[in-house]
Amino acid sequence: STYCIGSGQQRLLKDYIKDIASLFCIDIEEGLGKKPYSENQTMFLSAN
C-alpha cells in the first residue's frame, strides 16, 4: 500500500502565517508579497 500522510485539511498559507504572527502581536501584512513566487511554485498541496 501507499499512504498519504497529511492532515486532510487545507487553508491558505497566509492564514497559517497570520495565526503564528498573532501570537507575537506582529502585523505580518507588510511582509506578504515581498518575495515573488518561484518558477515552479506549487500552489496547491493537500492530502486525501
All heavy atoms as atom14 arrays in JSON, in Angstrom:
{
  "sequence": "STYCIGSGQQRLLKDYIKDIASLFCIDIEEGLGKKPYSENQTMFLSAN",
  "atom14_mask": [
    [1, 1, 1, 1, 1, 1, 0, 0, 0, 0, 0, 0, 0, 0],
    [1, 1, 1, 1, 1, 1, 1, 0, 0, 0, 0, 0, 0, 0],
    [1, 1, 1, 1, 1, 1, 1, 1, 1, 1, 1, 1, 0, 0],
    [1, 1, 1, 1, 1, 1, 0, 0, 0, 0, 0, 0, 0, 0],
    [1, 1, 1, 1, 1, 1, 1, 1, 0, 0, 0, 0, 0, 0],
    [1, 1, 1, 1, 0, 0, 0, 0, 0, 0, 0, 0, 0, 0],
    [1, 1, 1, 1, 1, 1, 0, 0, 0, 0, 0, 0, 0, 0],
    [1, 1, 1, 1, 0, 0, 0, 0, 0, 0, 0, 0, 0, 0],
    [1, 1, 1, 1, 1, 1, 1, 1, 1, 0, 0, 0, 0, 0],
    [1, 1, 1, 1, 1, 1, 1, 1, 1, 0, 0, 0, 0, 0],
    [1, 1, 1, 1, 1, 1, 1, 1, 1, 1, 1, 0, 0, 0],
    [1, 1, 1, 1, 1, 1, 1, 1, 0, 0, 0, 0, 0, 0],
    [1, 1, 1, 1, 1, 1, 1, 1, 0, 0, 0, 0, 0, 0],
    [1, 1, 1, 1, 1, 1, 1, 1, 1, 0, 0, 0, 0, 0],
    [1, 1, 1, 1, 1, 1, 1, 1, 0, 0, 0, 0, 0, 0],
    [1, 1, 1, 1, 1, 1, 1, 1, 1, 1, 1, 1, 0, 0],
    [1, 1, 1, 1, 1, 1, 1, 1, 0, 0, 0, 0, 0, 0],
    [1, 1, 1, 1, 1, 1, 1, 1, 1, 0, 0, 0, 0, 0],
    [1, 1, 1, 1, 1, 1, 1, 1, 0, 0, 0, 0, 0, 0],
    [1, 1, 1, 1, 1, 1, 1, 1, 0, 0, 0, 0, 0, 0],
    [1, 1, 1, 1, 1, 0, 0, 0, 0, 0, 0, 0, 0, 0],
    [1, 1, 1, 1, 1, 1, 0, 0, 0, 0, 0, 0, 0, 0],
    [1, 1, 1, 1, 1, 1, 1, 1, 0, 0, 0, 0, 0, 0],
    [1, 1, 1, 1, 1, 1, 1, 1, 1, 1, 1, 0, 0, 0],
    [1, 1, 1, 1, 1, 1, 0, 0, 0, 0, 0, 0, 0, 0],
    [1, 1, 1, 1, 1, 1, 1, 1, 0, 0, 0, 0, 0, 0],
    [1, 1, 1, 1, 1, 1, 1, 1, 0, 0, 0, 0, 0, 0],
    [1, 1, 1, 1, 1, 1, 1, 1, 0, 0, 0, 0, 0, 0],
    [1, 1, 1, 1, 1, 1, 1, 1, 1, 0, 0, 0, 0, 0],
    [1, 1, 1, 1, 1, 1, 1, 1, 1, 0, 0, 0, 0, 0],
    [1, 1, 1, 1, 0, 0, 0, 0, 0, 0, 0, 0, 0, 0],
    [1, 1, 1, 1, 1, 1, 1, 1, 0, 0, 0, 0, 0, 0],
    [1, 1, 1, 1, 0, 0, 0, 0, 0, 0, 0, 0, 0, 0],
    [1, 1, 1, 1, 1, 1, 1, 1, 1, 0, 0, 0, 0, 0],
    [1, 1, 1, 1, 1, 1, 1, 1, 1, 0, 0, 0, 0, 0],
    [1, 1, 1, 1, 1, 1, 1, 0, 0, 0, 0, 0, 0, 0],
    [1, 1, 1, 1, 1, 1, 1, 1, 1, 1, 1, 1, 0, 0],
    [1, 1, 1, 1, 1, 1, 0, 0, 0, 0, 0, 0, 0, 0],
    [1, 1, 1, 1, 1, 1, 1, 1, 1, 0, 0, 0, 0, 0],
    [1, 1, 1, 1, 1, 1, 1, 1, 0, 0, 0, 0, 0, 0],
    [1, 1, 1, 1, 1, 1, 1, 1, 1, 0, 0, 0, 0, 0],
    [1, 1, 1, 1, 1, 1, 1, 0, 0, 0, 0, 0, 0, 0],
    [1, 1, 1, 1, 1, 1, 1, 1, 0, 0, 0, 0, 0, 0],
    [1, 1, 1, 1, 1, 1, 1, 1, 1, 1, 1, 0, 0, 0],
    [1, 1, 1, 1, 1, 1, 1, 1, 0, 0, 0, 0, 0, 0],
    [1, 1, 1, 1, 1, 1, 0, 0, 0, 0, 0, 0, 0, 0],
    [1, 1, 1, 1, 1, 0, 0, 0, 0, 0, 0, 0, 0, 0],
    [1, 1, 1, 1, 1, 1, 1, 1, 0, 0, 0, 0, 0, 0]
  ],
  "atom14_positions": [
    [[0.84, -1.2, 0.0], [0.0, 0.0, 0.0], [0.86, 1.25, 0.0], [2.01, 1.24, 0.45], [-0.92, 0.03, 1.23], [-1.95, -0.92, 1.1], [0.0, 0.0, 0.0], [0.0, 0.0, 0.0], [0.0, 0.0, 0.0], [0.0, 0.0, 0.0], [0.0, 0.0, 0.0], [0.0, 0.0, 0.0], [0.0, 0.0, 0.0], [0.0, 0.0, 0.0]],
    [[0.26, 2.33, -0.51], [0.86, 3.66, -0.43], [-0.11, 4.54, 0.35], [-1.31, 4.57, 0.04], [1.09, 4.25, -1.83], [2.01, 3.41, -2.53], [1.66, 5.66, -1.74], [0.0, 0.0, 0.0], [0.0, 0.0, 0.0], [0.0, 0.0, 0.0], [0.0, 0.0, 0.0], [0.0, 0.0, 0.0], [0.0, 0.0, 0.0], [0.0, 0.0, 0.0]],
    [[0.4, 5.23, 1.37], [-0.45, 6.08, 2.2], [0.04, 7.52, 2.17], [1.24, 7.78, 2.34], [-0.45, 5.59, 3.66], [-1.05, 4.23, 3.85], [-0.23, 3.11, 4.04], [-2.43, 4.04, 3.84], [-0.77, 1.85, 4.22], [-2.98, 2.78, 4.03], [-2.15, 1.68, 4.21], [-2.69, 0.43, 4.38], [0.0, 0.0, 0.0], [0.0, 0.0, 0.0]],
    [[-0.88, 8.45, 1.95], [-0.57, 9.87, 2.06], [-0.67, 10.29, 3.52], [-1.66, 9.97, 4.19], [-1.54, 10.7, 1.22], [-1.33, 10.46, -0.56], [0.0, 0.0, 0.0], [0.0, 0.0, 0.0], [0.0, 0.0, 0.0], [0.0, 0.0, 0.0], [0.0, 0.0, 0.0], [0.0, 0.0, 0.0], [0.0, 0.0, 0.0], [0.0, 0.0, 0.0]],
    [[0.34, 11.0, 4.0], [0.36, 11.45, 5.39], [0.25, 12.97, 5.43], [1.19, 13.7, 5.08], [1.63, 10.98, 6.11], [1.64, 9.45, 6.16], [1.69, 11.56, 7.52], [2.81, 8.87, 6.92], [0.0, 0.0, 0.0], [0.0, 0.0, 0.0], [0.0, 0.0, 0.0], [0.0, 0.0, 0.0], [0.0, 0.0, 0.0], [0.0, 0.0, 0.0]],
    [[-0.9, 13.44, 5.81], [-1.18, 14.86, 5.96], [-2.33, 15.01, 6.93], [-2.8, 14.03, 7.52], [0.0, 0.0, 0.0], [0.0, 0.0, 0.0], [0.0, 0.0, 0.0], [0.0, 0.0, 0.0], [0.0, 0.0, 0.0], [0.0, 0.0, 0.0], [0.0, 0.0, 0.0], [0.0, 0.0, 0.0], [0.0, 0.0, 0.0], [0.0, 0.0, 0.0]],
    [[-2.83, 16.21, 7.1], [-3.97, 16.43, 7.99], [-5.3, 16.16, 7.28], [-6.32, 15.93, 7.92], [-3.96, 17.87, 8.51], [-4.28, 18.78, 7.45], [0.0, 0.0, 0.0], [0.0, 0.0, 0.0], [0.0, 0.0, 0.0], [0.0, 0.0, 0.0], [0.0, 0.0, 0.0], [0.0, 0.0, 0.0], [0.0, 0.0, 0.0], [0.0, 0.0, 0.0]],
    [[-5.26, 16.22, 5.94], [-6.5, 16.1, 5.19], [-7.33, 17.37, 5.21], [-8.47, 17.39, 4.74], [0.0, 0.0, 0.0], [0.0, 0.0, 0.0], [0.0, 0.0, 0.0], [0.0, 0.0, 0.0], [0.0, 0.0, 0.0], [0.0, 0.0, 0.0], [0.0, 0.0, 0.0], [0.0, 0.0, 0.0], [0.0, 0.0, 0.0], [0.0, 0.0, 0.0]],
    [[-6.74, 18.46, 5.74], [-7.41, 19.76, 5.78], [-6.55, 20.78, 5.06], [-5.33, 20.64, 5.01], [-7.64, 20.19, 7.23], [-8.47, 19.19, 8.03], [-8.56, 19.54, 9.5], [-8.19, 20.64, 9.91], [-9.04, 18.62, 10.3], [0.0, 0.0, 0.0], [0.0, 0.0, 0.0], [0.0, 0.0, 0.0], [0.0, 0.0, 0.0], [0.0, 0.0, 0.0]],
    [[-7.16, 21.8, 4.51], [-6.4, 22.76, 3.73], [-6.82, 24.19, 4.04], [-7.98, 24.47, 4.3], [-6.59, 22.47, 2.24], [-8.04, 22.51, 1.79], [-8.25, 21.76, 0.48], [-7.82, 20.63, 0.31], [-8.92, 22.41, -0.47], [0.0, 0.0, 0.0], [0.0, 0.0, 0.0], [0.0, 0.0, 0.0], [0.0, 0.0, 0.0], [0.0, 0.0, 0.0]],
    [[-5.83, 25.09, 4.02], [-6.06, 26.51, 4.26], [-5.08, 27.3, 3.4], [-4.07, 26.76, 2.94], [-5.81, 26.87, 5.73], [-6.68, 26.16, 6.74], [-6.23, 26.5, 8.15], [-6.44, 27.91, 8.48], [-5.84, 28.52, 9.49], [-4.97, 27.88, 10.25], [-6.09, 29.79, 9.75], [0.0, 0.0, 0.0], [0.0, 0.0, 0.0], [0.0, 0.0, 0.0]],
    [[-5.36, 28.59, 3.24], [-4.4, 29.45, 2.58], [-3.14, 29.55, 3.43], [-3.21, 29.67, 4.67], [-4.98, 30.84, 2.36], [-6.08, 30.97, 1.3], [-6.65, 32.39, 1.32], [-5.54, 30.63, -0.09], [0.0, 0.0, 0.0], [0.0, 0.0, 0.0], [0.0, 0.0, 0.0], [0.0, 0.0, 0.0], [0.0, 0.0, 0.0], [0.0, 0.0, 0.0]],
    [[-1.99, 29.54, 2.78], [-0.73, 29.59, 3.51], [-0.64, 30.86, 4.36], [-0.15, 30.84, 5.49], [0.43, 29.55, 2.5], [1.78, 29.07, 3.0], [1.68, 27.7, 3.65], [2.78, 29.03, 1.85], [0.0, 0.0, 0.0], [0.0, 0.0, 0.0], [0.0, 0.0, 0.0], [0.0, 0.0, 0.0], [0.0, 0.0, 0.0], [0.0, 0.0, 0.0]],
    [[-1.15, 31.97, 3.85], [-1.07, 33.22, 4.6], [-1.91, 33.17, 5.88], [-1.6, 33.87, 6.85], [-1.49, 34.41, 3.74], [-2.93, 34.4, 3.26], [-3.19, 35.61, 2.36], [-4.61, 35.61, 1.8], [-4.82, 36.77, 0.89], [0.0, 0.0, 0.0], [0.0, 0.0, 0.0], [0.0, 0.0, 0.0], [0.0, 0.0, 0.0], [0.0, 0.0, 0.0]],
    [[-2.93, 32.33, 5.92], [-3.74, 32.22, 7.13], [-2.97, 31.49, 8.24], [-3.08, 31.86, 9.42], [-5.05, 31.49, 6.83], [-5.99, 32.33, 5.98], [-5.81, 33.56, 5.95], [-6.9, 31.76, 5.34], [0.0, 0.0, 0.0], [0.0, 0.0, 0.0], [0.0, 0.0, 0.0], [0.0, 0.0, 0.0], [0.0, 0.0, 0.0], [0.0, 0.0, 0.0]],
    [[-2.2, 30.46, 7.87], [-1.33, 29.82, 8.87], [-0.34, 30.86, 9.42], [-0.13, 30.95, 10.64], [-0.51, 28.69, 8.23], [-1.27, 27.47, 7.8], [-1.45, 27.19, 6.45], [-1.76, 26.54, 8.73], [-2.1, 26.04, 6.04], [-2.42, 25.4, 8.33], [-2.59, 25.14, 6.98], [-3.23, 24.0, 6.57], [0.0, 0.0, 0.0], [0.0, 0.0, 0.0]],
    [[0.25, 31.61, 8.51], [1.27, 32.58, 8.89], [0.69, 33.67, 9.8], [1.3, 34.07, 10.8], [1.91, 33.2, 7.64], [2.67, 32.11, 6.86], [2.84, 34.34, 8.0], [3.05, 32.52, 5.45], [0.0, 0.0, 0.0], [0.0, 0.0, 0.0], [0.0, 0.0, 0.0], [0.0, 0.0, 0.0], [0.0, 0.0, 0.0], [0.0, 0.0, 0.0]],
    [[-0.51, 34.12, 9.49], [-1.15, 35.14, 10.32], [-1.45, 34.6, 11.72], [-1.34, 35.32, 12.71], [-2.44, 35.62, 9.65], [-2.19, 36.52, 8.43], [-3.5, 36.92, 7.77], [-3.25, 37.82, 6.56], [-4.52, 38.2, 5.88], [0.0, 0.0, 0.0], [0.0, 0.0, 0.0], [0.0, 0.0, 0.0], [0.0, 0.0, 0.0], [0.0, 0.0, 0.0]],
    [[-1.82, 33.33, 11.82], [-2.06, 32.72, 13.13], [-0.79, 32.74, 13.97], [-0.83, 33.03, 15.17], [-2.55, 31.28, 12.97], [-4.03, 31.19, 12.62], [-4.71, 32.24, 12.65], [-4.5, 30.08, 12.32], [0.0, 0.0, 0.0], [0.0, 0.0, 0.0], [0.0, 0.0, 0.0], [0.0, 0.0, 0.0], [0.0, 0.0, 0.0], [0.0, 0.0, 0.0]],
    [[0.33, 32.39, 13.34], [1.6, 32.4, 14.07], [1.94, 33.83, 14.5], [2.31, 34.08, 15.66], [2.72, 31.82, 13.2], [2.44, 30.36, 12.86], [4.07, 31.94, 13.9], [3.37, 29.78, 11.8], [0.0, 0.0, 0.0], [0.0, 0.0, 0.0], [0.0, 0.0, 0.0], [0.0, 0.0, 0.0], [0.0, 0.0, 0.0], [0.0, 0.0, 0.0]],
    [[1.81, 34.77, 13.57], [2.18, 36.16, 13.86], [1.33, 36.75, 14.98], [1.81, 37.59, 15.77], [2.04, 37.01, 12.6], [0.0, 0.0, 0.0], [0.0, 0.0, 0.0], [0.0, 0.0, 0.0], [0.0, 0.0, 0.0], [0.0, 0.0, 0.0], [0.0, 0.0, 0.0], [0.0, 0.0, 0.0], [0.0, 0.0, 0.0], [0.0, 0.0, 0.0]],
    [[0.08, 36.31, 15.08], [-0.81, 36.84, 16.12], [-0.3, 36.51, 17.52], [-0.54, 37.25, 18.48], [-2.23, 36.3, 15.94], [-2.29, 34.91, 16.23], [0.0, 0.0, 0.0], [0.0, 0.0, 0.0], [0.0, 0.0, 0.0], [0.0, 0.0, 0.0], [0.0, 0.0, 0.0], [0.0, 0.0, 0.0], [0.0, 0.0, 0.0], [0.0, 0.0, 0.0]],
    [[0.44, 35.4, 17.65], [1.0, 35.02, 18.95], [2.13, 35.95, 19.37], [2.46, 36.04, 20.54], [1.5, 33.58, 18.91], [0.45, 32.51, 18.57], [1.1, 31.15, 18.45], [-0.64, 32.48, 19.63], [0.0, 0.0, 0.0], [0.0, 0.0, 0.0], [0.0, 0.0, 0.0], [0.0, 0.0, 0.0], [0.0, 0.0, 0.0], [0.0, 0.0, 0.0]],
    [[2.71, 36.64, 18.39], [3.8, 37.59, 18.67], [3.3, 39.03, 18.63], [4.09, 39.96, 18.81], [4.91, 37.41, 17.62], [5.64, 36.1, 17.7], [5.15, 34.98, 17.07], [6.83, 35.99, 18.41], [5.83, 33.76, 17.13], [7.51, 34.79, 18.48], [7.01, 33.67, 17.84], [0.0, 0.0, 0.0], [0.0, 0.0, 0.0], [0.0, 0.0, 0.0]],
    [[2.0, 39.19, 18.36], [1.41, 40.53, 18.25], [2.13, 41.38, 17.21], [2.42, 42.57, 17.43], [1.4, 41.24, 19.61], [0.46, 40.37, 20.88], [0.0, 0.0, 0.0], [0.0, 0.0, 0.0], [0.0, 0.0, 0.0], [0.0, 0.0, 0.0], [0.0, 0.0, 0.0], [0.0, 0.0, 0.0], [0.0, 0.0, 0.0], [0.0, 0.0, 0.0]],
    [[2.46, 40.74, 16.08], [3.13, 41.43, 14.98], [2.24, 41.35, 13.74], [1.7, 40.3, 13.42], [4.5, 40.81, 14.69], [5.46, 41.06, 15.87], [5.11, 41.36, 13.39], [6.82, 40.41, 15.72], [0.0, 0.0, 0.0], [0.0, 0.0, 0.0], [0.0, 0.0, 0.0], [0.0, 0.0, 0.0], [0.0, 0.0, 0.0], [0.0, 0.0, 0.0]],
    [[2.1, 42.49, 13.06], [1.32, 42.53, 11.82], [2.17, 42.0, 10.67], [3.2, 42.58, 10.34], [0.87, 43.96, 11.53], [-0.05, 44.04, 10.31], [-0.33, 42.99, 9.71], [-0.47, 45.17, 9.97], [0.0, 0.0, 0.0], [0.0, 0.0, 0.0], [0.0, 0.0, 0.0], [0.0, 0.0, 0.0], [0.0, 0.0, 0.0], [0.0, 0.0, 0.0]],
    [[1.74, 40.89, 10.1], [2.52, 40.22, 9.08], [2.28, 40.79, 7.68], [3.03, 40.51, 6.73], [2.17, 38.7, 9.09], [3.31, 37.85, 8.5], [0.89, 38.42, 8.34], [4.44, 37.63, 9.44], [0.0, 0.0, 0.0], [0.0, 0.0, 0.0], [0.0, 0.0, 0.0], [0.0, 0.0, 0.0], [0.0, 0.0, 0.0], [0.0, 0.0, 0.0]],
    [[1.25, 41.62, 7.54], [0.79, 42.04, 6.21], [1.89, 42.68, 5.37], [1.98, 42.43, 4.16], [-0.38, 43.02, 6.34], [-1.68, 42.38, 6.82], [-2.34, 41.49, 5.78], [-1.92, 41.52, 4.62], [-3.28, 40.74, 6.14], [0.0, 0.0, 0.0], [0.0, 0.0, 0.0], [0.0, 0.0, 0.0], [0.0, 0.0, 0.0], [0.0, 0.0, 0.0]],
    [[2.73, 43.51, 5.99], [3.73, 44.22, 5.19], [4.79, 43.28, 4.61], [5.5, 43.64, 3.66], [4.41, 45.3, 6.02], [5.25, 44.78, 7.18], [5.91, 45.91, 7.95], [5.27, 46.44, 8.89], [7.05, 46.27, 7.59], [0.0, 0.0, 0.0], [0.0, 0.0, 0.0], [0.0, 0.0, 0.0], [0.0, 0.0, 0.0], [0.0, 0.0, 0.0]],
    [[4.88, 42.06, 5.15], [5.86, 41.09, 4.61], [5.31, 40.24, 3.48], [6.08, 39.65, 2.71], [0.0, 0.0, 0.0], [0.0, 0.0, 0.0], [0.0, 0.0, 0.0], [0.0, 0.0, 0.0], [0.0, 0.0, 0.0], [0.0, 0.0, 0.0], [0.0, 0.0, 0.0], [0.0, 0.0, 0.0], [0.0, 0.0, 0.0], [0.0, 0.0, 0.0]],
    [[3.97, 40.18, 3.37], [3.35, 39.36, 2.34], [3.52, 40.01, 0.96], [3.26, 41.2, 0.8], [1.86, 39.16, 2.64], [1.53, 38.31, 3.87], [0.04, 38.35, 4.17], [1.97, 36.86, 3.66], [0.0, 0.0, 0.0], [0.0, 0.0, 0.0], [0.0, 0.0, 0.0], [0.0, 0.0, 0.0], [0.0, 0.0, 0.0], [0.0, 0.0, 0.0]],
    [[3.97, 39.22, 0.0], [4.16, 39.74, -1.35], [5.53, 40.33, -1.61], [5.8, 40.8, -2.72], [0.0, 0.0, 0.0], [0.0, 0.0, 0.0], [0.0, 0.0, 0.0], [0.0, 0.0, 0.0], [0.0, 0.0, 0.0], [0.0, 0.0, 0.0], [0.0, 0.0, 0.0], [0.0, 0.0, 0.0], [0.0, 0.0, 0.0], [0.0, 0.0, 0.0]],
    [[6.41, 40.3, -0.62], [7.75, 40.85, -0.8], [8.62, 39.94, -1.66], [9.58, 40.39, -2.28], [8.43, 41.07, 0.56], [7.79, 42.16, 1.41], [7.98, 43.53, 0.77], [7.46, 44.63, 1.69], [7.61, 45.98, 1.07], [0.0, 0.0, 0.0], [0.0, 0.0, 0.0], [0.0, 0.0, 0.0], [0.0, 0.0, 0.0], [0.0, 0.0, 0.0]],
    [[8.3, 38.65, -1.68], [9.06, 37.7, -2.49], [8.19, 37.2, -3.64], [6.99, 36.92, -3.43], [9.51, 36.51, -1.64], [10.6, 36.82, -0.64], [11.02, 35.58, 0.12], [11.61, 34.52, -0.78], [12.06, 33.34, -0.02], [0.0, 0.0, 0.0], [0.0, 0.0, 0.0], [0.0, 0.0, 0.0], [0.0, 0.0, 0.0], [0.0, 0.0, 0.0]],
    [[8.73, 37.05, -4.84], [7.95, 36.51, -5.95], [7.79, 35.0, -5.81], [8.58, 34.34, -5.12], [8.81, 36.85, -7.18], [10.21, 36.87, -6.64], [10.11, 37.4, -5.24], [0.0, 0.0, 0.0], [0.0, 0.0, 0.0], [0.0, 0.0, 0.0], [0.0, 0.0, 0.0], [0.0, 0.0, 0.0], [0.0, 0.0, 0.0], [0.0, 0.0, 0.0]],
    [[6.79, 34.46, -6.43], [6.65, 33.01, -6.49], [7.78, 32.44, -7.34], [8.24, 33.08, -8.29], [5.3, 32.61, -7.1], [4.11, 32.93, -6.22], [3.08, 33.73, -6.7], [4.02, 32.42, -4.94], [1.98, 34.03, -5.9], [2.93, 32.71, -4.13], [1.91, 33.51, -4.63], [0.83, 33.8, -3.83], [0.0, 0.0, 0.0], [0.0, 0.0, 0.0]],
    [[8.21, 31.24, -7.02], [9.26, 30.6, -7.81], [8.71, 30.14, -9.16], [7.49, 30.09, -9.37], [9.84, 29.41, -7.05], [8.85, 28.42, -6.86], [0.0, 0.0, 0.0], [0.0, 0.0, 0.0], [0.0, 0.0, 0.0], [0.0, 0.0, 0.0], [0.0, 0.0, 0.0], [0.0, 0.0, 0.0], [0.0, 0.0, 0.0], [0.0, 0.0, 0.0]],
    [[9.6, 29.8, -10.05], [9.2, 29.41, -11.41], [8.27, 28.21, -11.4], [7.31, 28.15, -12.17], [10.46, 29.11, -12.24], [10.16, 28.77, -13.69], [11.42, 28.49, -14.48], [12.53, 28.71, -13.95], [11.31, 28.05, -15.64], [0.0, 0.0, 0.0], [0.0, 0.0, 0.0], [0.0, 0.0, 0.0], [0.0, 0.0, 0.0], [0.0, 0.0, 0.0]],
    [[8.56, 27.24, -10.55], [7.74, 26.04, -10.47], [6.92, 26.01, -9.18], [6.7, 24.95, -8.6], [8.61, 24.78, -10.54], [8.84, 24.32, -11.96], [7.92, 24.33, -12.78], [10.07, 23.95, -12.27], [0.0, 0.0, 0.0], [0.0, 0.0, 0.0], [0.0, 0.0, 0.0], [0.0, 0.0, 0.0], [0.0, 0.0, 0.0], [0.0, 0.0, 0.0]],
    [[6.46, 27.17, -8.74], [5.76, 27.29, -7.46], [4.57, 26.33, -7.38], [3.72, 26.29, -8.27], [5.24, 28.72, -7.28], [4.5, 28.94, -5.97], [5.43, 28.84, -4.77], [6.44, 29.53, -4.71], [5.09, 28.0, -3.82], [0.0, 0.0, 0.0], [0.0, 0.0, 0.0], [0.0, 0.0, 0.0], [0.0, 0.0, 0.0], [0.0, 0.0, 0.0]],
    [[4.54, 25.54, -6.31], [3.38, 24.7, -6.03], [2.31, 25.57, -5.37], [2.55, 26.16, -4.32], [3.78, 23.54, -5.09], [4.76, 22.73, -5.74], [2.58, 22.69, -4.75], [0.0, 0.0, 0.0], [0.0, 0.0, 0.0], [0.0, 0.0, 0.0], [0.0, 0.0, 0.0], [0.0, 0.0, 0.0], [0.0, 0.0, 0.0], [0.0, 0.0, 0.0]],
    [[1.13, 25.62, -5.96], [0.06, 26.47, -5.44], [-1.01, 25.69, -4.69], [-1.85, 26.27, -4.03], [-0.59, 27.26, -6.59], [0.35, 28.24, -7.27], [1.06, 29.49, -6.16], [-0.4, 30.39, -5.65], [0.0, 0.0, 0.0], [0.0, 0.0, 0.0], [0.0, 0.0, 0.0], [0.0, 0.0, 0.0], [0.0, 0.0, 0.0], [0.0, 0.0, 0.0]],
    [[-0.96, 24.35, -4.8], [-1.94, 23.52, -4.11], [-1.24, 22.3, -3.56], [-0.54, 21.6, -4.28], [-3.06, 23.1, -5.06], [-4.17, 22.33, -4.38], [-5.29, 22.98, -3.9], [-4.08, 20.95, -4.21], [-6.3, 22.28, -3.25], [-5.09, 20.24, -3.57], [-6.2, 20.91, -3.1], [0.0, 0.0, 0.0], [0.0, 0.0, 0.0], [0.0, 0.0, 0.0]],
    [[-1.42, 22.04, -2.27], [-0.76, 20.91, -1.64], [-1.62, 20.4, -0.5], [-1.62, 20.93, 0.61], [0.61, 21.33, -1.1], [1.55, 20.2, -0.69], [1.94, 19.38, -1.9], [2.8, 20.76, -0.03], [0.0, 0.0, 0.0], [0.0, 0.0, 0.0], [0.0, 0.0, 0.0], [0.0, 0.0, 0.0], [0.0, 0.0, 0.0], [0.0, 0.0, 0.0]],
    [[-2.4, 19.35, -0.79], [-3.29, 18.8, 0.23], [-3.44, 17.3, 0.01], [-3.43, 16.83, -1.13], [-4.66, 19.47, 0.18], [-5.51, 18.97, 1.2], [0.0, 0.0, 0.0], [0.0, 0.0, 0.0], [0.0, 0.0, 0.0], [0.0, 0.0, 0.0], [0.0, 0.0, 0.0], [0.0, 0.0, 0.0], [0.0, 0.0, 0.0], [0.0, 0.0, 0.0]],
    [[-3.57, 16.56, 1.1], [-3.63, 15.1, 1.05], [-5.05, 14.6, 1.25], [-5.8, 15.12, 2.08], [-2.72, 14.51, 2.13], [0.0, 0.0, 0.0], [0.0, 0.0, 0.0], [0.0, 0.0, 0.0], [0.0, 0.0, 0.0], [0.0, 0.0, 0.0], [0.0, 0.0, 0.0], [0.0, 0.0, 0.0], [0.0, 0.0, 0.0], [0.0, 0.0, 0.0]],
    [[-5.39, 13.57, 0.49], [-6.61, 12.8, 0.74], [-6.18, 11.6, 1.59], [-5.48, 10.71, 1.12], [-7.2, 12.34, -0.59], [-8.46, 11.49, -0.42], [-8.72, 10.98, 0.67], [-9.22, 11.34, -1.47], [0.0, 0.0, 0.0], [0.0, 0.0, 0.0], [0.0, 0.0, 0.0], [0.0, 0.0, 0.0], [0.0, 0.0, 0.0], [0.0, 0.0, 0.0]]
  ]
}
